Amino acid sequence: MHLTGKKLLFVFHNSGLTGASIVLLRYVEFLKKHYPDVQLKFLLPGRGKIEERLSKAGSVEYYSAPVELSFSDRVKRKLGIKSATHDRVMQAVKLAQQFSPDLVYCNTVACSDFIPALKDCVNAPLIWHFHELETGIALTGIDPHNSLHVADIILTNSGTTSEFLNSEYGVEPARTRMVYPSVPSHNRSRSASGNQFVIGSAGTALPTKGAFDFIELASEMQKLDPSANYRFVWIGNFRKHKEDIETEISKYNVGTILQFTGESDSPMDEYSRMNLFVSLSGEESFGLALVEAGSIGIPVAGYADSGEISEIVRQCKGIIVARRHVKDMAVELNRLISLPHELEVMGQASQKHCRTYFDELIVPQWVHVLEEAVRKESVH
């Protein structure tokens, strides 16, 4: 095991239990459990829900800690020559140099600014875990081009992401490794709620993630059958667009049947209450929440031509309609309510396919990438 006794440094883009952070969290928890002699350090931008779990696997420090600026640096800050981002990068570099890692690992496009500085100052190979497609990158306002060619290995979360980086940024396939996100082995904790037909979705509630389409879906299904006992539940952070979401809910008059619950510490239990999980994302590089729900036997639905999600839904024998065809999705889901056998078959197919993403099957592939980097076989 080439990682035994090695020191691995992980730079997280945030401290919350968001999709990309959860993926890496599951990886490192598996790593520490099976390879306890590995030394792990995690750099976070501040305190958050992920901190407690990471601290059980290694040590946690913060690159957003206040730094004492020299007079010239204070002047540069006022003139806009020196930014708070620069301070965070330098703090991360300082902490990395103190740790002297055998491997540096940066998570998501948001870590782009850290990569050149870490490569210049830390004598270790660097892996960049890339999760985003075009829209996700645009939302950050970051141009990752330079950092993509500085990192030693680009680890992608799907074939869709690998192809995107090759076509848009010229990242050679030889420099990428693809490992899917993993989900924990988990059984359904409860049955769906009584006579209600619960349709769920999850993720950060952004327009590009399908939050507004989900509200429209509730309205269309209510129109199709006003007497049906529907309930719509979205799990995930919705603070950024809270006012817009509330406006849309009022506009479509679905407040009595639809709820945005916010983040959950136990999303698998929330999925267990659902009869069906639907992804209405316009751009998804993988679809972690859908796979989590599918792994416990929840039937799934999604848009065609929506990154990796559409292929996963096909493998799960789920419902697929053209992107943004919300009315068509409503018709298909409304049809399913009276077809319990078809729902059961879909749920079985979801479970069969999505369990191929369990930690014990996926994470060893990730460990192999770390071993490759530590051996410096792929460092250019």
Protein backbone atom coordinates (compact mmCIF):
# COMPACT_ATOMS: atom_id res chain seq x y z
CA MET A 1 0.00 0.00 0.00
CA HIS A 2 1.90 3.02 -1.30
CA LEU A 3 0.02 5.44 0.99
CA THR A 4 1.14 3.86 4.27
CA GLY A 5 2.70 6.57 6.43
CA LYS A 6 2.17 9.22 3.75
CA LYS A 7 0.94 12.73 4.53
CA LEU A 8 -2.02 13.84 2.44
CA LEU A 9 -3.31 17.42 2.39
CA PHE A 10 -6.89 18.14 1.27
CA VAL A 11 -8.10 21.65 0.41
CA PHE A 12 -11.90 21.96 0.62
CA HIS A 13 -13.81 24.75 -1.12
CA ASN A 14 -16.36 25.07 1.69
CA SER A 15 -17.23 23.68 5.11
CA GLY A 16 -20.81 22.62 4.46
CA LEU A 17 -22.28 19.25 3.63
CA THR A 18 -22.68 20.06 -0.06
CA GLY A 19 -22.49 17.53 -2.88
CA ALA A 20 -18.82 17.84 -3.83
CA SER A 21 -17.69 18.05 -0.20
CA ILE A 22 -19.81 15.03 0.74
CA VAL A 23 -18.20 13.03 -2.06
CA LEU A 24 -14.70 13.78 -0.78
CA LEU A 25 -15.77 13.26 2.83
CA ARG A 26 -17.00 9.75 2.03
CA TYR A 27 -13.76 8.99 0.21
CA VAL A 28 -11.52 10.07 3.08
CA GLU A 29 -13.63 8.34 5.75
CA PHE A 30 -13.26 5.10 3.81
CA LEU A 31 -9.53 5.74 3.37
CA LYS A 32 -8.92 6.35 7.07
CA LYS A 33 -10.97 3.30 8.07
CA HIS A 34 -9.08 0.93 5.80
CA TYR A 35 -5.65 2.59 5.90
CA PRO A 36 -5.32 4.05 9.42
CA ASP A 37 -1.58 4.77 9.04
CA VAL A 38 -2.21 7.52 6.48
CA GLN A 39 -1.79 11.05 7.91
CA LEU A 40 -4.55 13.40 6.77
CA LYS A 41 -4.87 17.17 7.10
CA PHE A 42 -7.88 19.16 5.91
CA LEU A 43 -7.84 22.87 5.07
CA LEU A 44 -11.27 24.53 5.31
CA PRO A 45 -12.39 28.12 4.70
CA GLY A 46 -14.13 28.20 8.09
CA ARG A 47 -16.23 26.22 10.52
CA GLY A 48 -19.15 24.17 9.26
CA LYS A 49 -21.03 20.90 9.50
CA ILE A 50 -18.34 18.91 7.73
CA GLU A 51 -15.67 19.82 10.27
CA GLU A 52 -16.70 17.36 12.99
CA ARG A 53 -16.61 14.34 10.71
CA LEU A 54 -13.32 15.36 9.10
CA SER A 55 -11.71 15.83 12.51
CA LYS A 56 -12.28 12.13 13.21
CA ALA A 57 -10.16 11.23 10.19
CA GLY A 58 -7.38 13.82 10.56
CA SER A 59 -6.52 17.34 11.66
CA VAL A 60 -8.47 20.41 10.52
CA GLU A 61 -7.14 23.93 9.96
CA TYR A 62 -8.59 27.05 8.36
CA TYR A 63 -7.11 29.00 5.49
CA SER A 64 -9.48 31.91 6.16
CA ALA A 65 -7.81 32.68 9.48
CA PRO A 66 -6.87 36.38 9.80
CA VAL A 67 -3.39 37.19 8.60
CA GLU A 68 -1.22 40.05 9.78
CA LEU A 69 -0.52 42.28 6.80
CA SER A 70 2.56 44.39 6.34
CA PHE A 71 2.12 48.09 5.64
CA SER A 72 2.84 47.58 1.93
CA ASP A 73 0.30 44.75 1.77
CA ARG A 74 -2.33 46.92 3.45
CA VAL A 75 -1.72 49.61 0.84
CA LYS A 76 -1.98 47.02 -1.96
CA ARG A 77 -5.26 45.78 -0.47
CA LYS A 78 -6.71 49.31 -0.49
CA LEU A 79 -5.58 49.83 -4.08
CA GLY A 80 -7.14 46.53 -5.15
CA ILE A 81 -3.76 45.03 -6.05
CA LYS A 82 -3.95 42.51 -3.23
CA SER A 83 -7.21 40.68 -2.50
CA ALA A 84 -8.73 38.68 0.33
CA THR A 85 -8.48 35.68 -2.00
CA HIS A 86 -4.73 36.23 -2.16
CA ASP A 87 -4.62 36.21 1.65
CA ARG A 88 -6.50 32.90 1.80
CA VAL A 89 -4.19 31.37 -0.78
CA MET A 90 -1.11 32.48 1.12
CA GLN A 91 -2.53 31.16 4.38
CA ALA A 92 -3.19 27.80 2.71
CA VAL A 93 0.36 27.74 1.34
CA LYS A 94 1.76 28.51 4.80
CA LEU A 95 -0.23 25.67 6.39
CA ALA A 96 0.75 23.32 3.57
CA GLN A 97 4.44 24.10 3.98
CA GLN A 98 4.21 23.44 7.72
CA PHE A 99 2.61 20.05 7.05
CA SER A 100 5.06 19.11 4.24
CA PRO A 101 2.65 16.75 2.47
CA ASP A 102 3.43 13.90 0.11
CA LEU A 103 0.31 14.77 -1.87
CA VAL A 104 -1.90 17.87 -2.25
CA TYR A 105 -5.55 17.43 -3.20
CA CYS A 106 -7.80 20.37 -4.18
CA ASN A 107 -11.58 19.95 -4.43
CA THR A 108 -13.80 21.70 -7.05
CA VAL A 109 -13.26 24.61 -9.44
CA ALA A 110 -13.47 27.03 -6.49
CA CYS A 111 -9.94 25.95 -5.49
CA SER A 112 -8.48 27.12 -8.81
CA ASP A 113 -6.59 30.09 -7.30
CA PHE A 114 -4.80 27.83 -4.81
CA ILE A 115 -3.28 25.45 -7.34
CA PRO A 116 -0.44 27.50 -8.94
CA ALA A 117 0.70 28.79 -5.54
CA LEU A 118 0.66 25.34 -3.95
CA LYS A 119 2.56 23.84 -6.87
CA ASP A 120 5.19 26.57 -6.64
CA CYS A 121 5.70 26.28 -2.90
CA VAL A 122 5.03 22.65 -1.96
CA ASN A 123 7.20 19.86 -3.32
CA ALA A 124 4.44 17.32 -3.89
CA PRO A 125 2.20 16.11 -6.71
CA LEU A 126 -1.21 17.79 -6.87
CA ILE A 127 -4.60 16.28 -7.74
CA TRP A 128 -7.47 18.55 -8.68
CA HIS A 129 -10.93 17.00 -8.25
CA PHE A 130 -13.19 18.61 -10.84
CA HIS A 131 -17.00 18.35 -10.57
CA GLU A 132 -18.32 21.20 -12.71
CA LEU A 133 -19.56 21.72 -16.24
CA GLU A 134 -19.99 25.02 -18.11
CA THR A 135 -22.77 26.49 -15.99
CA GLY A 136 -21.13 25.53 -12.70
CA ILE A 137 -17.89 27.21 -13.76
CA ALA A 138 -19.71 30.31 -14.99
CA LEU A 139 -21.45 30.72 -11.63
CA THR A 140 -18.08 30.99 -9.89
CA GLY A 141 -16.68 33.57 -12.31
CA ILE A 142 -13.42 31.60 -12.32
CA ASP A 143 -11.28 30.85 -15.37
CA PRO A 144 -9.70 27.46 -14.55
CA HIS A 145 -7.62 27.20 -17.72
CA ASN A 146 -4.18 27.85 -16.20
CA SER A 147 -4.75 25.70 -13.13
CA LEU A 148 -6.01 22.81 -15.26
CA HIS A 149 -2.62 22.69 -16.91
CA VAL A 150 -0.68 23.12 -13.66
CA ALA A 151 -2.28 20.27 -11.72
CA ASP A 152 -0.60 16.89 -12.12
CA ILE A 153 -3.78 14.83 -12.26
CA ILE A 154 -7.30 16.07 -13.01
CA LEU A 155 -9.73 13.74 -11.26
CA THR A 156 -13.25 13.98 -12.72
CA ASN A 157 -16.54 12.80 -11.27
CA SER A 158 -17.91 11.44 -14.56
CA GLY A 159 -17.15 10.78 -18.20
CA THR A 160 -19.30 13.83 -19.00
CA THR A 161 -16.92 16.06 -17.04
CA SER A 162 -13.83 14.50 -18.63
CA GLU A 163 -15.19 15.10 -22.12
CA PHE A 164 -16.13 18.68 -21.24
CA LEU A 165 -12.63 19.51 -19.95
CA ASN A 166 -11.08 18.02 -23.07
CA SER A 167 -13.34 19.88 -25.51
CA GLU A 168 -13.46 23.24 -23.70
CA TYR A 169 -9.99 23.49 -22.14
CA GLY A 170 -7.86 21.03 -24.08
CA VAL A 171 -7.12 18.82 -21.08
CA GLU A 172 -5.53 15.69 -22.51
CA PRO A 173 -7.32 12.44 -21.60
CA ALA A 174 -3.97 11.04 -20.43
CA ARG A 175 -3.95 13.61 -17.60
CA THR A 176 -7.46 12.81 -16.35
CA ARG A 177 -8.72 10.00 -14.16
CA MET A 178 -12.43 9.39 -13.69
CA VAL A 179 -13.93 8.06 -10.46
CA TYR A 180 -17.66 8.28 -9.79
CA PRO A 181 -19.00 9.69 -6.53
CA SER A 182 -19.92 6.97 -4.07
CA VAL A 183 -22.88 6.42 -1.77
CA PRO A 184 -22.92 4.64 1.59
CA SER A 185 -24.39 1.19 1.90
CA HIS A 186 -27.86 1.94 3.23
CA ASN A 187 -31.27 0.30 3.35
CA ARG A 188 -34.60 2.08 3.18
CA SER A 189 -35.36 3.20 6.73
CA ARG A 190 -39.14 3.54 6.35
CA SER A 191 -41.97 3.27 3.86
CA ALA A 192 -43.37 6.19 1.91
CA SER A 193 -46.03 8.24 3.67
CA GLY A 194 -49.43 6.50 3.75
CA ASN A 195 -51.80 7.53 0.99
CA GLN A 196 -49.69 10.51 -0.06
CA PHE A 197 -47.65 10.21 -3.25
CA VAL A 198 -44.41 12.01 -2.37
CA ILE A 199 -42.26 13.34 -5.21
CA GLY A 200 -38.86 14.54 -4.10
CA SER A 201 -35.79 16.28 -5.39
CA ALA A 202 -32.58 17.52 -3.78
CA GLY A 203 -29.55 19.74 -4.10
CA THR A 204 -28.73 23.40 -3.70
CA ALA A 205 -31.93 25.11 -4.87
CA LEU A 206 -30.68 27.01 -7.90
CA PRO A 207 -32.50 27.70 -11.19
CA THR A 208 -29.88 25.61 -13.03
CA LYS A 209 -30.51 22.73 -10.62
CA GLY A 210 -34.20 22.65 -11.49
CA ALA A 211 -35.70 24.32 -8.41
CA PHE A 212 -38.13 26.47 -10.39
CA ASP A 213 -39.03 23.60 -12.72
CA PHE A 214 -39.87 21.57 -9.61
CA ILE A 215 -42.35 24.23 -8.51
CA GLU A 216 -43.88 24.27 -11.98
CA LEU A 217 -44.10 20.45 -11.91
CA ALA A 218 -46.15 20.58 -8.71
CA SER A 219 -48.54 23.04 -10.38
CA GLU A 220 -48.92 20.95 -13.54
CA MET A 221 -49.61 17.76 -11.59
CA GLN A 222 -52.18 19.54 -9.43
CA LYS A 223 -53.94 20.68 -12.61
CA LEU A 224 -54.00 17.15 -13.99
CA ASP A 225 -55.67 15.74 -10.90
CA PRO A 226 -56.73 18.25 -8.22
CA SER A 227 -58.07 15.43 -6.06
CA ALA A 228 -54.76 13.51 -5.95
CA ASN A 229 -52.91 13.45 -2.63
CA TYR A 230 -49.57 14.76 -3.88
CA ARG A 231 -46.71 16.13 -1.82
CA PHE A 232 -43.54 17.68 -3.21
CA VAL A 233 -40.37 17.93 -1.11
CA TRP A 234 -37.05 19.54 -2.04
CA ILE A 235 -34.10 18.76 0.27
CA GLY A 236 -31.19 21.19 0.20
CA ASN A 237 -30.01 24.71 0.83
CA PHE A 238 -32.36 27.31 -0.68
CA ARG A 239 -31.23 30.48 1.10
CA LYS A 240 -29.65 32.12 -1.94
CA HIS A 241 -32.93 32.17 -3.88
CA LYS A 242 -35.36 32.05 -0.96
CA GLU A 243 -37.38 35.12 -2.01
CA ASP A 244 -37.57 34.03 -5.65
CA ILE A 245 -38.66 30.53 -4.63
CA GLU A 246 -41.35 31.89 -2.34
CA THR A 247 -42.56 34.16 -5.15
CA GLU A 248 -42.77 31.22 -7.55
CA ILE A 249 -44.61 29.07 -5.00
CA SER A 250 -47.15 31.87 -4.53
CA LYS A 251 -47.43 32.44 -8.30
CA TYR A 252 -48.29 28.78 -8.92
CA ASN A 253 -50.39 28.48 -5.76
CA VAL A 254 -48.71 25.26 -4.59
CA GLY A 255 -47.79 26.26 -1.04
CA THR A 256 -50.05 23.60 0.50
CA ILE A 257 -48.42 20.70 -1.36
CA LEU A 258 -44.79 21.78 -1.78
CA GLN A 259 -42.00 22.30 0.74
CA PHE A 260 -38.35 23.30 0.53
CA THR A 261 -36.89 21.78 3.69
CA GLY A 262 -33.32 23.06 3.69
CA GLU A 263 -30.23 20.94 4.33
CA SER A 264 -30.63 17.60 6.09
CA ASP A 265 -28.11 15.76 8.25
CA SER A 266 -29.78 12.46 7.26
CA PRO A 267 -30.85 12.78 3.61
CA MET A 268 -31.16 9.01 3.17
CA ASP A 269 -33.95 8.99 5.73
CA GLU A 270 -35.66 11.82 3.84
CA TYR A 271 -35.44 9.87 0.58
CA SER A 272 -37.08 6.89 2.30
CA ARG A 273 -40.30 8.90 2.61
CA MET A 274 -40.48 9.42 -1.16
CA ASN A 275 -42.40 7.46 -3.77
CA LEU A 276 -40.31 8.92 -6.60
CA PHE A 277 -37.23 11.09 -7.03
CA VAL A 278 -37.04 13.52 -9.93
CA SER A 279 -34.09 15.55 -11.19
CA LEU A 280 -35.02 18.58 -13.26
CA SER A 281 -31.50 19.96 -13.46
CA GLY A 282 -30.50 21.68 -16.66
CA GLU A 283 -26.87 20.73 -16.17
CA GLU A 284 -25.60 17.98 -13.92
CA SER A 285 -22.14 16.47 -14.09
CA PHE A 286 -23.23 13.38 -12.15
CA GLY A 287 -26.39 13.40 -10.02
CA LEU A 288 -25.38 12.29 -6.53
CA ALA A 289 -28.75 12.82 -4.83
CA LEU A 290 -30.56 10.83 -7.52
CA VAL A 291 -28.15 7.92 -7.06
CA GLU A 292 -28.53 8.08 -3.28
CA ALA A 293 -32.31 7.85 -3.61
CA GLY A 294 -32.12 5.15 -6.25
CA SER A 295 -29.81 3.01 -4.12
CA ILE A 296 -32.61 2.42 -1.62
CA GLY A 297 -35.11 1.49 -4.31
CA ILE A 298 -36.75 4.83 -5.09
CA PRO A 299 -37.91 5.10 -8.74
CA VAL A 300 -36.23 8.00 -10.57
CA ALA A 301 -37.01 10.44 -13.37
CA GLY A 302 -35.07 13.13 -15.20
CA TYR A 303 -34.45 15.13 -18.35
CA ALA A 304 -32.82 13.76 -21.48
CA ASP A 305 -29.45 15.24 -22.45
CA SER A 306 -28.71 16.26 -18.88
CA GLY A 307 -25.15 15.07 -18.40
CA GLU A 308 -24.65 11.82 -16.56
CA ILE A 309 -28.13 11.90 -15.02
CA SER A 310 -29.96 10.90 -18.19
CA GLU A 311 -27.79 7.79 -18.56
CA ILE A 312 -28.30 6.84 -14.91
CA VAL A 313 -32.08 7.23 -15.28
CA ARG A 314 -32.02 5.00 -18.36
CA GLN A 315 -30.09 2.34 -16.46
CA CYS A 316 -32.71 2.59 -13.72
CA LYS A 317 -35.58 2.14 -16.23
CA GLY A 318 -36.85 5.54 -15.09
CA ILE A 319 -38.92 8.26 -16.73
CA ILE A 320 -37.14 10.56 -19.20
CA VAL A 321 -38.61 13.54 -21.04
CA ALA A 322 -37.03 16.31 -23.11
CA ARG A 323 -35.36 19.05 -21.12
CA ARG A 324 -37.70 21.74 -19.74
CA HIS A 325 -40.77 19.76 -20.89
CA VAL A 326 -42.31 20.03 -17.45
CA LYS A 327 -45.84 19.29 -18.65
CA ASP A 328 -44.68 16.05 -20.25
CA MET A 329 -43.01 15.04 -16.99
CA ALA A 330 -46.21 15.80 -15.09
CA VAL A 331 -48.23 13.60 -17.44
CA GLU A 332 -45.78 10.70 -17.06
CA LEU A 333 -45.64 10.92 -13.27
CA ASN A 334 -49.40 11.27 -12.97
CA ARG A 335 -49.76 8.09 -15.05
CA LEU A 336 -47.46 6.17 -12.69
CA ILE A 337 -49.58 6.75 -9.62
CA SER A 338 -52.13 4.18 -10.78
CA LEU A 339 -49.43 1.66 -11.80
CA PRO A 340 -47.94 0.25 -8.58
CA HIS A 341 -46.38 -2.72 -10.37
CA GLU A 342 -44.50 -0.44 -12.79
CA LEU A 343 -43.31 1.66 -9.89
CA GLU A 344 -42.08 -1.47 -8.15
CA VAL A 345 -40.16 -2.61 -11.23
CA MET A 346 -38.61 0.84 -11.58
CA GLY A 347 -37.60 0.84 -7.92
CA GLN A 348 -35.93 -2.55 -8.25
CA ALA A 349 -34.01 -1.38 -11.33
CA SER A 350 -32.93 1.79 -9.47
CA GLN A 351 -31.66 -0.20 -6.55
CA LYS A 352 -29.78 -2.68 -8.74
CA HIS A 353 -27.99 -0.01 -10.75
CA CYS A 354 -27.36 2.60 -8.04
CA ARG A 355 -25.82 0.08 -5.65
CA THR A 356 -22.95 -0.25 -8.09
CA TYR A 357 -21.89 3.15 -6.67
CA PHE A 358 -21.52 1.89 -3.08
CA ASP A 359 -18.40 3.06 -1.24
CA GLU A 360 -16.73 -0.35 -1.16
CA LEU A 361 -16.92 -0.62 -4.96
CA ILE A 362 -16.00 2.96 -5.89
CA VAL A 363 -13.53 4.26 -3.30
CA PRO A 364 -10.77 1.68 -3.98
CA GLN A 365 -10.61 3.15 -7.51
CA TRP A 366 -10.03 6.56 -5.92
CA VAL A 367 -7.34 5.18 -3.62
CA HIS A 368 -5.57 3.80 -6.68
CA VAL A 369 -5.41 7.33 -8.15
CA LEU A 370 -3.84 8.63 -4.93
CA GLU A 371 -1.28 5.83 -5.01
CA GLU A 372 -0.46 6.64 -8.62
CA ALA A 373 0.10 10.30 -7.77
CA VAL A 374 2.28 9.53 -4.74
CA ARG A 375 4.43 7.25 -6.89
CA LYS A 376 4.74 10.28 -9.23
CA GLU A 377 4.01 8.14 -12.27
CA SER A 378 1.72 10.76 -13.75
CA VAL A 379 3.46 13.99 -12.71
CA HIS A 380 4.35 16.02 -15.77
